[in-house]
């Protein structure tokens, strides 16, 4: 292993440790335990409460107008172009989000859109969309602490001997998984798609990583738990998510539809296992450390740190907020004024009763709605009295993973070889496999 200066070691260790504390370690705050990032967000949300609706409206209008303009411009590899140059479907989604925001704030049009149980719930000064604006600000700005200073490279390299036998994946895929887990599932999908197109992954590997390891981030998990009022249970909640994630990652590559994908690269090359071996005179630790320290060495610029953080924030605001408001309002309207989700969730009611989940009829409708958007089960389940059931719903909504408002939509829009039918089957299989695990933990806790 080559020598590195003390400053490089500190550049690897200090930001990485700070990132782990801020994003992953609940601390005793205000009589309970909270992730520091969530605590900072809640402080800011109190300050911004009088104006947060207007900030949301401005952001949603920028997202919609920008997407309309860039729809007619050529594709370029720039941050602004990638931000606004989306497919016609997602352009329409952003327009719908902006229109809903106008109707909700001024209470125009049908009451079904702006009532306190639908759009009004999401865009109130203390609602989900408003909270996202504060959590995204801190999470986005500070995310480079985890991503830019070698933490992912170190753990990614250390996982080489685990990923292939357990999950049928190359060691480098651990970096994609960790990027998703500590950053965002969308980042994981984009990273996987890029590496697949560049020939690092086979079709099968890309499909497995994109649909199994592009997990919901810690930031989103915090939001979900806040939504159901169980933030004091973060540690057992997140450990349950991790347990389900590992079990699903072991099973899913071995069954339909992922098991049937071709193990060849995008250019037709077959899988080459020899390429995963460590360099001569290296082991997992030394190779991981060298990769991490090289990454830290490349990121000495404070300006680039803040630039990356601001880009993260803007990307989350423009990309996620319109989708949450558009899909969320429509789904809440369907839940409030129709029996669509009640009907679709009916087959799950006997299963919920079998596993002893209280308020099974109310919980059943949340089992399917997660395919539209990951937040919706927790929004619908927030009014359920049983803490056990709310815990079950919050955990299930995260482990289901394939939600069309983000990860599913990105997968369909990428070159990763999965289609809508694949994603629907994966969603249902993940739900059924996770069921007994989450139910058992919920009964132990409550």
Protein backbone atom coordinates (compact mmCIF):
# COMPACT_ATOMS: atom_id res chain seq x y z
CA UNK A 1 0.00 0.00 0.00
CA UNK A 2 1.39 3.39 -0.95
CA UNK A 3 2.06 6.11 1.64
CA UNK A 4 -0.35 8.98 2.27
CA UNK A 5 0.17 12.20 4.19
CA UNK A 6 -1.37 12.86 7.61
CA UNK A 7 -3.62 15.50 6.04
CA UNK A 8 -5.05 12.90 3.63
CA UNK A 9 -5.76 10.49 6.50
CA UNK A 10 -7.53 13.27 8.42
CA UNK A 11 -9.45 14.24 5.28
CA UNK A 12 -10.71 10.66 5.08
CA UNK A 13 -11.44 10.13 8.77
CA UNK A 14 -12.86 13.44 10.08
CA UNK A 15 -15.58 14.12 7.44
CA UNK A 16 -16.55 10.42 7.37
CA UNK A 17 -16.94 10.25 11.17
CA UNK A 18 -18.88 13.54 11.17
CA UNK A 19 -21.18 12.17 8.42
CA UNK A 20 -21.83 8.94 10.31
CA UNK A 21 -22.73 10.88 13.49
CA UNK A 22 -25.01 13.34 11.66
CA UNK A 23 -26.85 10.79 9.51
CA UNK A 24 -26.74 7.47 11.35
CA UNK A 25 -26.46 7.86 15.13
CA UNK A 26 -29.56 8.84 17.16
CA UNK A 27 -28.58 11.13 20.06
CA UNK A 28 -30.54 11.98 23.24
CA UNK A 29 -32.30 15.23 22.27
CA UNK A 30 -35.37 16.87 23.84
CA UNK A 31 -36.22 13.89 26.01
CA UNK A 32 -36.00 11.33 23.20
CA UNK A 33 -33.56 10.02 20.62
CA UNK A 34 -33.20 11.80 17.29
CA UNK A 35 -30.84 11.75 14.33
CA UNK A 36 -29.01 15.14 14.41
CA UNK A 37 -30.06 15.86 10.82
CA UNK A 38 -33.75 15.42 11.71
CA UNK A 39 -33.38 17.61 14.81
CA UNK A 40 -31.81 20.41 12.77
CA UNK A 41 -34.61 20.11 10.21
CA UNK A 42 -37.31 20.33 12.89
CA UNK A 43 -35.69 23.47 14.32
CA UNK A 44 -35.62 25.12 10.90
CA UNK A 45 -39.17 24.05 10.06
CA UNK A 46 -40.41 25.96 13.11
CA UNK A 47 -38.65 29.11 11.89
CA UNK A 48 -39.87 28.73 8.29
CA UNK A 49 -43.44 27.72 9.14
CA UNK A 50 -45.00 31.08 8.09
CA UNK A 51 -43.36 31.06 4.63
CA UNK A 52 -42.66 27.41 3.80
CA UNK A 53 -45.82 27.05 1.65
CA UNK A 54 -44.66 29.93 -0.54
CA UNK A 55 -41.14 28.50 -0.83
CA UNK A 56 -42.70 25.20 -1.90
CA UNK A 57 -44.90 26.95 -4.47
CA UNK A 58 -41.96 28.85 -5.99
CA UNK A 59 -39.92 25.62 -6.20
CA UNK A 60 -42.77 23.68 -7.81
CA UNK A 61 -43.35 26.46 -10.37
CA UNK A 62 -39.64 26.53 -11.24
CA UNK A 63 -39.67 22.71 -11.65
CA UNK A 64 -42.72 22.82 -13.94
CA UNK A 65 -41.70 25.82 -16.08
CA UNK A 66 -38.09 24.63 -16.36
CA UNK A 67 -39.19 21.17 -17.47
CA UNK A 68 -41.53 22.63 -20.12
CA UNK A 69 -38.74 24.82 -21.54
CA UNK A 70 -36.13 22.04 -21.55
CA UNK A 71 -38.57 19.60 -23.14
CA UNK A 72 -37.87 21.38 -26.46
CA UNK A 73 -34.10 21.79 -25.96
CA UNK A 74 -31.43 19.25 -26.94
CA UNK A 75 -30.02 16.84 -24.33
CA UNK A 76 -26.70 17.95 -22.84
CA UNK A 77 -24.60 16.58 -20.01
CA UNK A 78 -24.90 19.61 -17.71
CA UNK A 79 -26.38 19.89 -14.22
CA UNK A 80 -29.20 22.24 -15.27
CA UNK A 81 -30.05 20.15 -18.33
CA UNK A 82 -30.13 16.92 -16.32
CA UNK A 83 -32.26 18.67 -13.70
CA UNK A 84 -35.00 19.83 -16.06
CA UNK A 85 -34.62 17.60 -19.14
CA UNK A 86 -36.96 14.79 -18.08
CA UNK A 87 -39.38 12.60 -20.03
CA UNK A 88 -42.81 13.98 -21.04
CA UNK A 89 -44.41 11.86 -18.30
CA UNK A 90 -42.31 13.41 -15.53
CA UNK A 91 -42.77 16.87 -17.08
CA UNK A 92 -46.54 16.42 -16.80
CA UNK A 93 -46.07 15.19 -13.22
CA UNK A 94 -44.17 18.38 -12.34
CA UNK A 95 -46.87 20.52 -13.98
CA UNK A 96 -49.56 18.69 -12.01
CA UNK A 97 -47.57 19.26 -8.80
CA UNK A 98 -47.37 23.02 -9.48
CA UNK A 99 -51.08 23.26 -10.37
CA UNK A 100 -52.03 21.36 -7.21
CA UNK A 101 -49.89 23.72 -5.11
CA UNK A 102 -51.76 26.76 -6.54
CA UNK A 103 -55.16 25.14 -5.95
CA UNK A 104 -54.24 24.04 -2.42
CA UNK A 105 -52.78 27.35 -1.22
CA UNK A 106 -55.67 29.45 -2.54
CA UNK A 107 -58.28 26.70 -2.04
CA UNK A 108 -59.43 26.86 -5.65
CA UNK A 109 -61.23 24.21 -7.69
CA UNK A 110 -62.64 20.94 -6.30
CA UNK A 111 -62.42 20.59 -2.52
CA UNK A 112 -61.20 17.02 -3.05
CA UNK A 113 -57.82 18.48 -4.12
CA UNK A 114 -57.25 21.02 -1.33
CA UNK A 115 -59.12 19.58 1.66
CA UNK A 116 -57.23 19.03 4.91
CA UNK A 117 -57.29 15.26 4.32
CA UNK A 118 -55.73 15.38 0.82
CA UNK A 119 -53.53 18.10 -0.69
CA UNK A 120 -54.05 20.35 2.32
CA UNK A 121 -52.51 17.65 4.50
CA UNK A 122 -49.37 17.48 2.35
CA UNK A 123 -48.82 21.21 1.81
CA UNK A 124 -49.84 22.60 5.20
CA UNK A 125 -47.11 24.56 7.07
CA UNK A 126 -46.43 21.44 9.14
CA UNK A 127 -47.20 18.90 6.38
CA UNK A 128 -44.99 16.39 4.61
CA UNK A 129 -43.92 18.55 1.65
CA UNK A 130 -43.06 21.39 4.03
CA UNK A 131 -40.96 19.06 6.21
CA UNK A 132 -39.17 17.73 3.14
CA UNK A 133 -37.94 21.24 2.37
CA UNK A 134 -36.08 21.46 5.67
CA UNK A 135 -34.80 17.88 5.84
CA UNK A 136 -33.57 18.05 2.24
CA UNK A 137 -31.68 21.27 2.96
CA UNK A 138 -29.53 19.80 5.72
CA UNK A 139 -29.31 16.31 4.23
CA UNK A 140 -28.33 17.60 0.80
CA UNK A 141 -25.75 20.08 2.04
CA UNK A 142 -24.07 17.59 4.37
CA UNK A 143 -24.38 14.47 2.20
CA UNK A 144 -20.88 15.00 0.69
CA UNK A 145 -19.46 14.11 4.13
CA UNK A 146 -20.53 10.55 3.39
CA UNK A 147 -20.04 10.48 -0.36
CA UNK A 148 -16.88 12.47 -1.11
CA UNK A 149 -14.21 11.48 1.39
CA UNK A 150 -13.72 7.74 0.92
CA UNK A 151 -16.23 6.13 3.31
CA UNK A 152 -18.08 4.36 0.49
CA UNK A 153 -14.89 3.30 -1.28
CA UNK A 154 -13.52 1.79 1.94
CA UNK A 155 -16.61 -0.25 2.79
CA UNK A 156 -17.26 -1.08 -0.85
CA UNK A 157 -13.86 -2.69 -1.25
CA UNK A 158 -14.18 -4.49 2.07
CA UNK A 159 -17.41 -6.11 0.80
CA UNK A 160 -15.85 -7.81 -2.24
CA UNK A 161 -15.73 -11.25 -0.57
CA UNK A 162 -19.32 -10.92 0.63
CA UNK A 163 -21.25 -9.53 -2.33
CA UNK A 164 -20.50 -12.29 -4.85
CA UNK A 165 -21.30 -15.42 -2.78
CA UNK A 166 -24.29 -13.90 -0.95
CA UNK A 167 -25.89 -11.65 -3.55
CA UNK A 168 -24.33 -12.80 -6.86
CA UNK A 169 -22.86 -9.33 -7.37
CA UNK A 170 -19.39 -7.78 -7.80
CA UNK A 171 -17.78 -6.05 -4.82
CA UNK A 172 -18.13 -2.60 -6.37
CA UNK A 173 -21.94 -2.93 -6.15
CA UNK A 174 -21.59 -2.44 -2.38
CA UNK A 175 -20.74 1.18 -3.16
CA UNK A 176 -24.02 1.54 -5.07
CA UNK A 177 -25.92 0.00 -2.16
CA UNK A 178 -24.22 2.21 0.41
CA UNK A 179 -24.75 5.28 -1.76
CA UNK A 180 -28.46 4.51 -1.80
CA UNK A 181 -28.63 3.68 1.89
CA UNK A 182 -26.87 6.82 3.11
CA UNK A 183 -27.75 9.07 0.20
CA UNK A 184 -30.75 8.35 -1.95
CA UNK A 185 -32.18 5.48 -3.99
CA UNK A 186 -32.21 7.67 -7.08
CA UNK A 187 -28.44 8.18 -6.80
CA UNK A 188 -28.04 4.41 -6.58
CA UNK A 189 -30.11 3.84 -9.74
CA UNK A 190 -28.23 6.50 -11.68
CA UNK A 191 -24.87 5.16 -10.50
CA UNK A 192 -25.87 1.61 -11.43
CA UNK A 193 -27.18 2.66 -14.84
CA UNK A 194 -24.00 4.56 -15.63
CA UNK A 195 -21.76 1.64 -14.61
CA UNK A 196 -23.92 -0.79 -16.62
CA UNK A 197 -23.63 1.41 -19.71
CA UNK A 198 -19.86 1.64 -19.18
CA UNK A 199 -19.58 -2.17 -19.07
CA UNK A 200 -18.88 -2.77 -15.37
CA UNK A 201 -22.07 -4.78 -14.72
CA UNK A 202 -23.84 -7.52 -16.65
CA UNK A 203 -27.55 -7.21 -17.49
CA UNK A 204 -28.42 -9.50 -14.60
CA UNK A 205 -26.19 -7.64 -12.13
CA UNK A 206 -27.58 -4.25 -13.15
CA UNK A 207 -31.17 -5.49 -12.79
CA UNK A 208 -30.43 -6.97 -9.35
CA UNK A 209 -28.63 -3.86 -8.07
CA UNK A 210 -31.17 -1.41 -9.50
CA UNK A 211 -34.22 -3.20 -8.13
CA UNK A 212 -32.76 -4.64 -4.91
CA UNK A 213 -30.00 -2.34 -3.67
CA UNK A 214 -31.34 1.10 -4.64
CA UNK A 215 -32.78 1.26 -1.18
CA UNK A 216 -34.59 4.08 0.56
CA UNK A 217 -32.12 6.48 2.15
CA UNK A 218 -31.71 7.21 5.84
CA UNK A 219 -33.13 10.68 5.16
CA UNK A 220 -36.36 9.26 3.72
CA UNK A 221 -36.59 6.73 6.55
CA UNK A 222 -36.49 9.61 9.03
CA UNK A 223 -39.32 11.35 7.15
CA UNK A 224 -41.44 8.17 7.10
CA UNK A 225 -40.94 7.58 10.82
CA UNK A 226 -41.77 11.21 11.63
CA UNK A 227 -44.94 10.85 9.56
CA UNK A 228 -46.27 7.97 11.67
CA UNK A 229 -45.15 9.55 14.96
CA UNK A 230 -42.65 6.85 15.93
CA UNK A 231 -39.36 8.77 15.71
CA UNK A 232 -38.25 7.39 19.11
CA UNK A 233 -38.13 3.91 17.55
CA UNK A 234 -35.54 4.78 14.92
CA UNK A 235 -32.92 2.20 15.97
CA UNK A 236 -35.19 -0.90 16.01
CA UNK A 237 -37.00 0.45 12.93
CA UNK A 238 -33.83 0.88 10.91
CA UNK A 239 -32.37 -2.42 12.10
CA UNK A 240 -35.57 -4.11 10.87
CA UNK A 241 -35.22 -2.35 7.51
CA UNK A 242 -31.60 -3.57 7.31
CA UNK A 243 -32.60 -7.14 8.23
CA UNK A 244 -35.34 -7.23 5.59
CA UNK A 245 -33.00 -5.64 3.06
CA UNK A 246 -30.35 -8.32 3.56
CA UNK A 247 -32.87 -11.21 3.44
CA UNK A 248 -34.49 -9.82 0.28
CA UNK A 249 -31.11 -9.16 -1.34
CA UNK A 250 -30.22 -12.82 -0.73
CA UNK A 251 -33.50 -14.25 -2.07
CA UNK A 252 -34.48 -11.96 -4.96
CA UNK A 253 -31.48 -12.68 -7.27
CA UNK A 254 -32.25 -16.41 -7.00
CA UNK A 255 -35.93 -16.29 -8.06
CA UNK A 256 -38.05 -14.99 -10.96
CA UNK A 257 -37.77 -12.47 -12.58
CA UNK A 258 -34.18 -11.48 -11.69
CA UNK A 259 -32.76 -15.03 -11.85
CA UNK A 260 -33.69 -15.24 -15.54
CA UNK A 261 -31.79 -12.15 -16.70
CA UNK A 262 -28.77 -12.64 -18.99
CA UNK A 263 -25.32 -12.62 -17.33
CA UNK A 264 -23.73 -10.74 -20.22
CA UNK A 265 -22.56 -7.14 -20.49
CA UNK A 266 -24.27 -4.46 -22.58
CA UNK A 267 -21.76 -5.11 -25.38
CA UNK A 268 -22.29 -8.89 -25.28
CA UNK A 269 -19.19 -9.82 -23.22
CA UNK A 270 -19.71 -12.70 -20.76
CA UNK A 271 -19.19 -12.33 -17.00
CA UNK A 272 -15.47 -12.35 -15.97
CA UNK A 273 -14.94 -13.24 -12.30
CA UNK A 274 -11.14 -12.84 -12.50
CA UNK A 275 -11.54 -9.07 -12.78
CA UNK A 276 -12.67 -8.90 -9.13
CA UNK A 277 -9.41 -10.13 -7.61
CA UNK A 278 -7.33 -7.80 -5.43
CA UNK A 279 -4.05 -6.45 -6.84
CA UNK A 280 -0.90 -8.35 -5.84
CA UNK A 281 0.25 -7.77 -2.22
CA UNK A 282 -3.13 -6.25 -1.26
CA UNK A 283 -5.93 -7.52 0.97
CA UNK A 284 -9.46 -6.19 1.59
CA UNK A 285 -8.34 -3.67 4.23
CA UNK A 286 -5.27 -2.28 2.47
CA UNK A 287 -7.00 -2.07 -0.92
CA UNK A 288 -10.07 -0.46 0.68
CA UNK A 289 -7.98 2.07 2.57
CA UNK A 290 -6.01 2.99 -0.53
CA UNK A 291 -9.22 3.51 -2.54
CA UNK A 292 -10.68 5.61 0.29
CA UNK A 293 -7.56 7.76 0.72
CA UNK A 294 -7.32 8.32 -3.04
CA UNK A 295 -10.92 9.54 -3.01
CA UNK A 296 -10.26 11.85 -0.06
CA UNK A 297 -7.20 13.23 -1.82
CA UNK A 298 -9.33 14.19 -4.83
CA UNK A 299 -11.76 16.20 -2.69
CA UNK A 300 -9.64 18.80 -0.95
CA UNK A 301 -11.62 21.72 -2.35
CA UNK A 302 -14.03 23.35 0.12
CA UNK A 303 -15.70 25.06 -2.81
CA UNK A 304 -16.45 21.71 -4.47
CA UNK A 305 -17.83 20.38 -1.17
CA UNK A 306 -20.42 23.15 -0.96
CA UNK A 307 -21.05 23.01 -4.71
CA UNK A 308 -21.88 19.29 -4.47
CA UNK A 309 -24.07 19.92 -1.43
CA UNK A 310 -26.05 22.71 -3.11
CA UNK A 311 -26.54 20.54 -6.20
CA UNK A 312 -27.88 17.75 -3.96
CA UNK A 313 -30.37 20.14 -2.36
CA UNK A 314 -31.58 21.59 -5.67
CA UNK A 315 -31.87 18.10 -7.19
CA UNK A 316 -34.00 16.91 -4.26
CA UNK A 317 -36.22 20.00 -4.33
CA UNK A 318 -36.84 19.96 -8.09
CA UNK A 319 -36.94 16.19 -8.54
CA UNK A 320 -38.78 14.92 -5.49
CA UNK A 321 -41.15 17.63 -4.16
CA UNK A 322 -43.40 17.85 -7.29
CA UNK A 323 -43.68 14.06 -7.47
CA UNK A 324 -44.62 13.72 -3.81
CA UNK A 325 -47.31 16.43 -4.07
CA UNK A 326 -48.72 15.18 -7.40
CA UNK A 327 -48.81 11.44 -6.61
CA UNK A 328 -49.58 12.05 -2.95
CA UNK A 329 -52.60 14.28 -3.61
CA UNK A 330 -54.03 11.94 -6.26
CA UNK A 331 -53.55 8.87 -4.07
CA UNK A 332 -55.04 10.60 -1.02
CA UNK A 333 -58.03 11.67 -3.16
CA UNK A 334 -58.49 8.05 -4.26
CA UNK A 335 -58.18 6.88 -0.65
CA UNK A 336 -60.52 9.57 0.73
CA UNK A 337 -63.22 9.62 -1.96
CA UNK A 338 -63.08 6.16 -3.60
CA UNK A 339 -62.67 2.54 -2.54
CA UNK A 340 -59.82 1.78 -4.99
CA UNK A 341 -57.13 1.02 -2.39
CA UNK A 342 -59.60 -0.73 -0.11
CA UNK A 343 -60.43 -3.13 -2.96
CA UNK A 344 -56.80 -3.64 -4.04
CA UNK A 345 -55.71 -4.17 -0.45
CA UNK A 346 -58.49 -6.64 0.43
CA UNK A 347 -56.41 -9.75 -0.42
CA UNK A 348 -53.88 -8.66 2.23
CA UNK A 349 -56.46 -8.39 5.03
CA UNK A 350 -56.53 -12.15 5.85
CA UNK A 351 -52.71 -12.14 5.88
CA UNK A 352 -52.64 -9.18 8.30
CA UNK A 353 -55.18 -10.95 10.53
CA UNK A 354 -53.14 -14.17 10.36
CA UNK A 355 -50.05 -12.35 11.64
CA UNK A 356 -52.03 -10.55 14.35
CA UNK A 357 -51.74 -6.99 13.03
CA UNK A 358 -54.38 -4.75 14.72
CA UNK A 359 -56.73 -2.63 12.59
CA UNK A 360 -56.11 -4.99 9.66
CA UNK A 361 -58.83 -3.49 7.45
CA UNK A 362 -57.29 0.00 7.67
CA UNK A 363 -53.76 -1.37 7.21
CA UNK A 364 -54.70 -3.49 4.18
CA UNK A 365 -55.16 -0.51 1.86
CA UNK A 366 -51.60 0.64 2.59
CA UNK A 367 -50.10 -2.61 1.30
CA UNK A 368 -50.60 -1.74 -2.38
CA UNK A 369 -50.50 2.05 -2.46
CA UNK A 370 -46.73 2.01 -1.91
CA UNK A 371 -46.26 0.96 -5.54
CA UNK A 372 -47.31 4.51 -6.50
CA UNK A 373 -45.18 6.32 -3.93
CA UNK A 374 -43.23 5.26 -0.85
CA UNK A 375 -44.68 8.00 1.38
CA UNK A 376 -48.33 7.16 0.79
CA UNK A 377 -48.64 4.11 3.11
CA UNK A 378 -47.33 6.18 6.01
CA UNK A 379 -49.59 9.12 5.14
CA UNK A 380 -52.64 6.83 5.05
CA UNK A 381 -51.48 4.89 8.11
CA UNK A 382 -50.70 7.92 10.29
CA UNK A 383 -54.30 8.03 11.57
CA UNK A 384 -54.24 4.40 12.76
CA UNK A 385 -54.25 4.18 16.57
CA UNK A 386 -52.14 1.04 17.02
CA UNK A 387 -48.41 1.79 17.29
CA UNK A 388 -47.69 -1.80 16.27
CA UNK A 389 -49.63 -1.34 13.03
CA UNK A 390 -48.06 2.05 12.28
CA UNK A 391 -44.60 0.51 12.80
CA UNK A 392 -45.52 -2.37 10.50
CA UNK A 393 -46.78 0.00 7.77
CA UNK A 394 -43.77 2.35 8.03
CA UNK A 395 -41.29 -0.53 7.79
CA UNK A 396 -43.15 -2.30 4.99
CA UNK A 397 -43.39 0.89 2.91
CA UNK A 398 -39.60 1.18 2.93
CA UNK A 399 -38.77 -2.48 2.26
CA UNK A 400 -41.22 -2.71 -0.68
CA UNK A 401 -38.76 -0.39 -2.47
CA UNK A 402 -40.24 -0.34 -5.99
CA UNK A 403 -42.31 2.84 -5.98
CA UNK A 404 -43.10 4.36 -9.35
CA UNK A 405 -42.76 7.99 -8.27
CA UNK A 406 -38.99 7.61 -8.03
CA UNK A 407 -36.96 4.37 -8.13
CA UNK A 408 -39.43 2.52 -10.40
CA UNK A 409 -39.73 5.44 -12.78
CA UNK A 410 -35.97 5.85 -12.95
CA UNK A 411 -35.43 2.14 -13.63
CA UNK A 412 -37.95 2.21 -16.50
CA UNK A 413 -36.28 5.31 -17.92
CA UNK A 414 -32.77 3.81 -17.75
CA UNK A 415 -31.11 1.18 -19.93
CA UNK A 416 -31.20 -1.34 -17.08
CA UNK A 417 -33.10 -4.37 -18.48
CA UNK A 418 -36.29 -4.35 -16.37
CA UNK A 419 -39.85 -3.63 -17.50
CA UNK A 420 -43.10 -2.63 -15.74
CA UNK A 421 -44.19 -6.25 -15.26
CA UNK A 422 -40.82 -7.11 -13.66
CA UNK A 423 -41.15 -4.20 -11.23
CA UNK A 424 -44.72 -5.11 -10.26
CA UNK A 425 -43.73 -8.74 -9.58
CA UNK A 426 -40.66 -7.64 -7.59
CA UNK A 427 -42.83 -5.24 -5.53
CA UNK A 428 -45.33 -8.00 -4.64
CA UNK A 429 -42.60 -10.55 -3.87
CA UNK A 430 -40.75 -8.11 -1.62
CA UNK A 431 -44.02 -7.42 0.23
CA UNK A 432 -44.79 -11.10 0.82
CA UNK A 433 -41.24 -12.06 1.86
CA UNK A 434 -40.95 -9.09 4.26
CA UNK A 435 -44.34 -9.74 5.86
CA UNK A 436 -43.40 -12.33 8.54
CA UNK A 437 -40.11 -10.61 9.42
CA UNK A 438 -41.67 -7.19 10.05
CA UNK A 439 -44.69 -8.69 11.83
CA UNK A 440 -42.42 -10.65 14.20
CA UNK A 441 -40.32 -7.59 15.08
CA UNK A 442 -43.45 -5.44 15.55
CA UNK A 443 -44.90 -7.94 18.02
CA UNK A 444 -41.60 -8.08 19.95
CA UNK A 445 -41.47 -4.27 20.21
CA UNK A 446 -45.12 -3.62 21.01
